[in-house]
Amino acid sequence: MPSKPRLEFQVGDEVMYALASSVRYGTVVRVIGAGNTQMVEVEFEDGKRELKKASDRSLRLLRRKAVEEARSHIRDREVEEVQRSETRRR
Protein backbone atom coordinates (compact mmCIF):
# COMPACT_ATOMS: atom_id res chain seq x y z
CA MET A 1 0.00 0.00 0.00
CA PRO A 2 1.54 3.36 -0.99
CA SER A 3 2.11 5.73 1.87
CA LYS A 4 0.62 9.20 2.01
CA PRO A 5 3.11 12.01 1.30
CA ARG A 6 4.40 13.58 4.52
CA LEU A 7 3.47 17.14 5.33
CA GLU A 8 6.43 19.37 6.10
CA PHE A 9 5.54 22.09 8.62
CA GLN A 10 7.07 25.57 8.38
CA VAL A 11 7.55 28.33 10.92
CA GLY A 12 4.44 30.52 11.02
CA ASP A 13 1.97 27.82 9.99
CA GLU A 14 -1.30 27.84 11.90
CA VAL A 15 -2.19 24.42 13.29
CA MET A 16 -4.80 22.72 15.43
CA TYR A 17 -4.24 19.93 17.93
CA ALA A 18 -7.18 17.63 18.67
CA LEU A 19 -7.59 16.38 22.23
CA ALA A 20 -10.17 13.91 23.52
CA SER A 21 -12.58 16.62 24.66
CA SER A 22 -11.41 19.80 22.93
CA VAL A 23 -9.31 21.39 20.19
CA ARG A 24 -6.34 23.70 20.72
CA TYR A 25 -5.19 26.23 18.12
CA GLY A 26 -1.67 27.56 17.76
CA THR A 27 1.23 28.63 15.57
CA VAL A 28 4.41 26.75 14.69
CA VAL A 29 7.32 28.55 16.34
CA ARG A 30 10.20 26.17 15.57
CA VAL A 31 10.81 23.13 13.35
CA ILE A 32 13.27 20.47 14.50
CA GLY A 33 14.55 17.75 12.16
CA ALA A 34 13.15 16.64 8.82
CA GLY A 35 11.27 13.76 7.24
CA ASN A 36 9.93 11.07 9.57
CA THR A 37 11.75 12.50 12.59
CA GLN A 38 10.42 16.05 12.27
CA MET A 39 9.13 17.71 15.44
CA VAL A 40 7.50 21.10 15.76
CA GLU A 41 7.25 23.49 18.67
CA VAL A 42 3.76 24.95 18.80
CA GLU A 43 2.74 28.06 20.71
CA PHE A 44 -0.93 27.72 21.59
CA GLU A 45 -3.42 30.55 22.07
CA ASP A 46 -3.05 30.40 25.85
CA GLY A 47 0.71 31.07 25.53
CA LYS A 48 1.92 27.57 26.34
CA ARG A 49 4.56 25.98 24.10
CA GLU A 50 4.75 22.26 23.44
CA LEU A 51 6.82 19.96 21.23
CA LYS A 52 4.77 17.68 18.99
CA LYS A 53 5.79 15.05 16.47
CA ALA A 54 4.87 16.06 12.94
CA SER A 55 3.62 12.52 12.36
CA ASP A 56 1.09 12.88 15.22
CA ARG A 57 -2.34 12.41 13.66
CA SER A 58 -3.87 14.88 16.12
CA LEU A 59 -1.80 17.74 14.68
CA ARG A 60 -3.40 19.31 11.58
CA LEU A 61 -2.38 22.18 9.35
CA LEU A 62 -4.95 24.98 9.11
CA ARG A 63 -3.18 27.69 7.15
CA ARG A 64 0.26 28.20 5.65
CA LYS A 65 2.06 31.43 6.51
CA ALA A 66 3.81 31.65 3.12
CA VAL A 67 0.52 31.33 1.25
CA GLU A 68 -0.96 34.30 3.08
CA GLU A 69 2.08 36.44 2.29
CA ALA A 70 1.89 35.47 -1.39
CA ARG A 71 -1.80 36.30 -1.56
CA SER A 72 -1.27 39.78 -0.12
CA HIS A 73 1.53 40.34 -2.65
CA ILE A 74 -0.78 39.35 -5.51
CA ARG A 75 -3.50 41.66 -4.19
CA ASP A 76 -1.01 44.52 -4.00
CA ARG A 77 -0.18 44.02 -7.68
CA GLU A 78 -3.85 43.99 -8.60
CA VAL A 79 -4.46 47.22 -6.69
CA GLU A 80 -1.48 48.87 -8.39
CA GLU A 81 -2.76 47.83 -11.83
CA VAL A 82 -6.20 49.29 -11.12
CA GLN A 83 -4.68 52.52 -9.83
CA ARG A 84 -2.53 52.82 -12.98
CA SER A 85 -5.51 52.24 -15.24
CA GLU A 86 -7.51 54.87 -13.35
CA THR A 87 -4.75 57.46 -13.68
CA ARG A 88 -4.48 56.75 -17.42
CA ARG A 89 -8.19 57.35 -17.88
CA ARG A 90 -8.04 60.79 -16.33
C-alpha atoms as a PDB file:
ATOM      1  CA  MET A   1       0.000   0.000   0.000  1.00  0.00           C
ATOM      2  CA  PRO A   2       1.538   3.356  -0.994  1.00  0.00           C
ATOM      3  CA  SER A   3       2.111   5.733   1.871  1.00  0.00           C
ATOM      4  CA  LYS A   4       0.617   9.197   2.009  1.00  0.00           C
ATOM      5  CA  PRO A   5       3.112  12.014   1.302  1.00  0.00           C
ATOM      6  CA  ARG A   6       4.403  13.583   4.521  1.00  0.00           C
ATOM      7  CA  LEU A   7       3.470  17.140   5.333  1.00  0.00           C
ATOM      8  CA  GLU A   8       6.431  19.372   6.102  1.00  0.00           C
ATOM      9  CA  PHE A   9       5.544  22.088   8.617  1.00  0.00           C
ATOM     10  CA  GLN A  10       7.072  25.570   8.375  1.00  0.00           C
ATOM     11  CA  VAL A  11       7.551  28.333  10.920  1.00  0.00           C
ATOM     12  CA  GLY A  12       4.445  30.518  11.023  1.00  0.00           C
ATOM     13  CA  ASP A  13       1.969  27.824   9.986  1.00  0.00           C
ATOM     14  CA  GLU A  14      -1.298  27.844  11.899  1.00  0.00           C
ATOM     15  CA  VAL A  15      -2.191  24.420  13.294  1.00  0.00           C
ATOM     16  CA  MET A  16      -4.804  22.721  15.430  1.00  0.00           C
ATOM     17  CA  TYR A  17      -4.239  19.934  17.931  1.00  0.00           C
ATOM     18  CA  ALA A  18      -7.175  17.626  18.669  1.00  0.00           C
ATOM     19  CA  LEU A  19      -7.586  16.377  22.226  1.00  0.00           C
ATOM     20  CA  ALA A  20     -10.166  13.915  23.524  1.00  0.00           C
ATOM     21  CA  SER A  21     -12.580  16.621  24.656  1.00  0.00           C
ATOM     22  CA  SER A  22     -11.412  19.800  22.926  1.00  0.00           C
ATOM     23  CA  VAL A  23      -9.313  21.388  20.191  1.00  0.00           C
ATOM     24  CA  ARG A  24      -6.341  23.702  20.722  1.00  0.00           C
ATOM     25  CA  TYR A  25      -5.188  26.232  18.124  1.00  0.00           C
ATOM     26  CA  GLY A  26      -1.666  27.564  17.762  1.00  0.00           C
ATOM     27  CA  THR A  27       1.233  28.629  15.575  1.00  0.00           C
ATOM     28  CA  VAL A  28       4.409  26.745  14.685  1.00  0.00           C
ATOM     29  CA  VAL A  29       7.321  28.549  16.344  1.00  0.00           C
ATOM     30  CA  ARG A  30      10.199  26.165  15.572  1.00  0.00           C
ATOM     31  CA  VAL A  31      10.806  23.134  13.352  1.00  0.00           C
ATOM     32  CA  ILE A  32      13.271  20.468  14.499  1.00  0.00           C
ATOM     33  CA  GLY A  33      14.547  17.747  12.161  1.00  0.00           C
ATOM     34  CA  ALA A  34      13.150  16.638   8.823  1.00  0.00           C
ATOM     35  CA  GLY A  35      11.275  13.762   7.236  1.00  0.00           C
ATOM     36  CA  ASN A  36       9.931  11.074   9.566  1.00  0.00           C
ATOM     37  CA  THR A  37      11.752  12.501  12.591  1.00  0.00           C
ATOM     38  CA  GLN A  38      10.415  16.047  12.272  1.00  0.00           C
ATOM     39  CA  MET A  39       9.130  17.708  15.440  1.00  0.00           C
ATOM     40  CA  VAL A  40       7.497  21.103  15.763  1.00  0.00           C
ATOM     41  CA  GLU A  41       7.254  23.493  18.666  1.00  0.00           C
ATOM     42  CA  VAL A  42       3.756  24.946  18.804  1.00  0.00           C
ATOM     43  CA  GLU A  43       2.741  28.062  20.713  1.00  0.00           C
ATOM     44  CA  PHE A  44      -0.926  27.716  21.590  1.00  0.00           C
ATOM     45  CA  GLU A  45      -3.422  30.546  22.074  1.00  0.00           C
ATOM     46  CA  ASP A  46      -3.048  30.403  25.850  1.00  0.00           C
ATOM     47  CA  GLY A  47       0.711  31.074  25.532  1.00  0.00           C
ATOM     48  CA  LYS A  48       1.918  27.566  26.337  1.00  0.00           C
ATOM     49  CA  ARG A  49       4.558  25.985  24.098  1.00  0.00           C
ATOM     50  CA  GLU A  50       4.753  22.261  23.445  1.00  0.00           C
ATOM     51  CA  LEU A  51       6.825  19.960  21.229  1.00  0.00           C
ATOM     52  CA  LYS A  52       4.774  17.676  18.992  1.00  0.00           C
ATOM     53  CA  LYS A  53       5.789  15.046  16.470  1.00  0.00           C
ATOM     54  CA  ALA A  54       4.874  16.062  12.938  1.00  0.00           C
ATOM     55  CA  SER A  55       3.615  12.524  12.357  1.00  0.00           C
ATOM     56  CA  ASP A  56       1.086  12.876  15.221  1.00  0.00           C
ATOM     57  CA  ARG A  57      -2.343  12.410  13.657  1.00  0.00           C
ATOM     58  CA  SER A  58      -3.868  14.884  16.120  1.00  0.00           C
ATOM     59  CA  LEU A  59      -1.804  17.736  14.676  1.00  0.00           C
ATOM     60  CA  ARG A  60      -3.396  19.306  11.583  1.00  0.00           C
ATOM     61  CA  LEU A  61      -2.382  22.185   9.348  1.00  0.00           C
ATOM     62  CA  LEU A  62      -4.950  24.976   9.113  1.00  0.00           C
ATOM     63  CA  ARG A  63      -3.179  27.693   7.149  1.00  0.00           C
ATOM     64  CA  ARG A  64       0.262  28.197   5.651  1.00  0.00           C
ATOM     65  CA  LYS A  65       2.058  31.431   6.510  1.00  0.00           C
ATOM     66  CA  ALA A  66       3.814  31.648   3.122  1.00  0.00           C
ATOM     67  CA  VAL A  67       0.516  31.329   1.249  1.00  0.00           C
ATOM     68  CA  GLU A  68      -0.964  34.296   3.084  1.00  0.00           C
ATOM     69  CA  GLU A  69       2.082  36.444   2.290  1.00  0.00           C
ATOM     70  CA  ALA A  70       1.893  35.472  -1.388  1.00  0.00           C
ATOM     71  CA  ARG A  71      -1.804  36.305  -1.563  1.00  0.00           C
ATOM     72  CA  SER A  72      -1.265  39.775  -0.119  1.00  0.00           C
ATOM     73  CA  HIS A  73       1.528  40.343  -2.648  1.00  0.00           C
ATOM     74  CA  ILE A  74      -0.779  39.353  -5.509  1.00  0.00           C
ATOM     75  CA  ARG A  75      -3.500  41.656  -4.194  1.00  0.00           C
ATOM     76  CA  ASP A  76      -1.013  44.523  -4.000  1.00  0.00           C
ATOM     77  CA  ARG A  77      -0.179  44.019  -7.680  1.00  0.00           C
ATOM     78  CA  GLU A  78      -3.854  43.989  -8.603  1.00  0.00           C
ATOM     79  CA  VAL A  79      -4.461  47.219  -6.687  1.00  0.00           C
ATOM     80  CA  GLU A  80      -1.482  48.874  -8.386  1.00  0.00           C
ATOM     81  CA  GLU A  81      -2.763  47.828 -11.827  1.00  0.00           C
ATOM     82  CA  VAL A  82      -6.196  49.288 -11.124  1.00  0.00           C
ATOM     83  CA  GLN A  83      -4.675  52.524  -9.834  1.00  0.00           C
ATOM     84  CA  ARG A  84      -2.532  52.823 -12.978  1.00  0.00           C
ATOM     85  CA  SER A  85      -5.509  52.237 -15.243  1.00  0.00           C
ATOM     86  CA  GLU A  86      -7.512  54.866 -13.354  1.00  0.00           C
ATOM     87  CA  THR A  87      -4.755  57.458 -13.681  1.00  0.00           C
ATOM     88  CA  ARG A  88      -4.477  56.750 -17.424  1.00  0.00           C
ATOM     89  CA  ARG A  89      -8.186  57.346 -17.884  1.00  0.00           C
ATOM     90  CA  ARG A  90      -8.041  60.785 -16.330  1.00  0.00           C
END
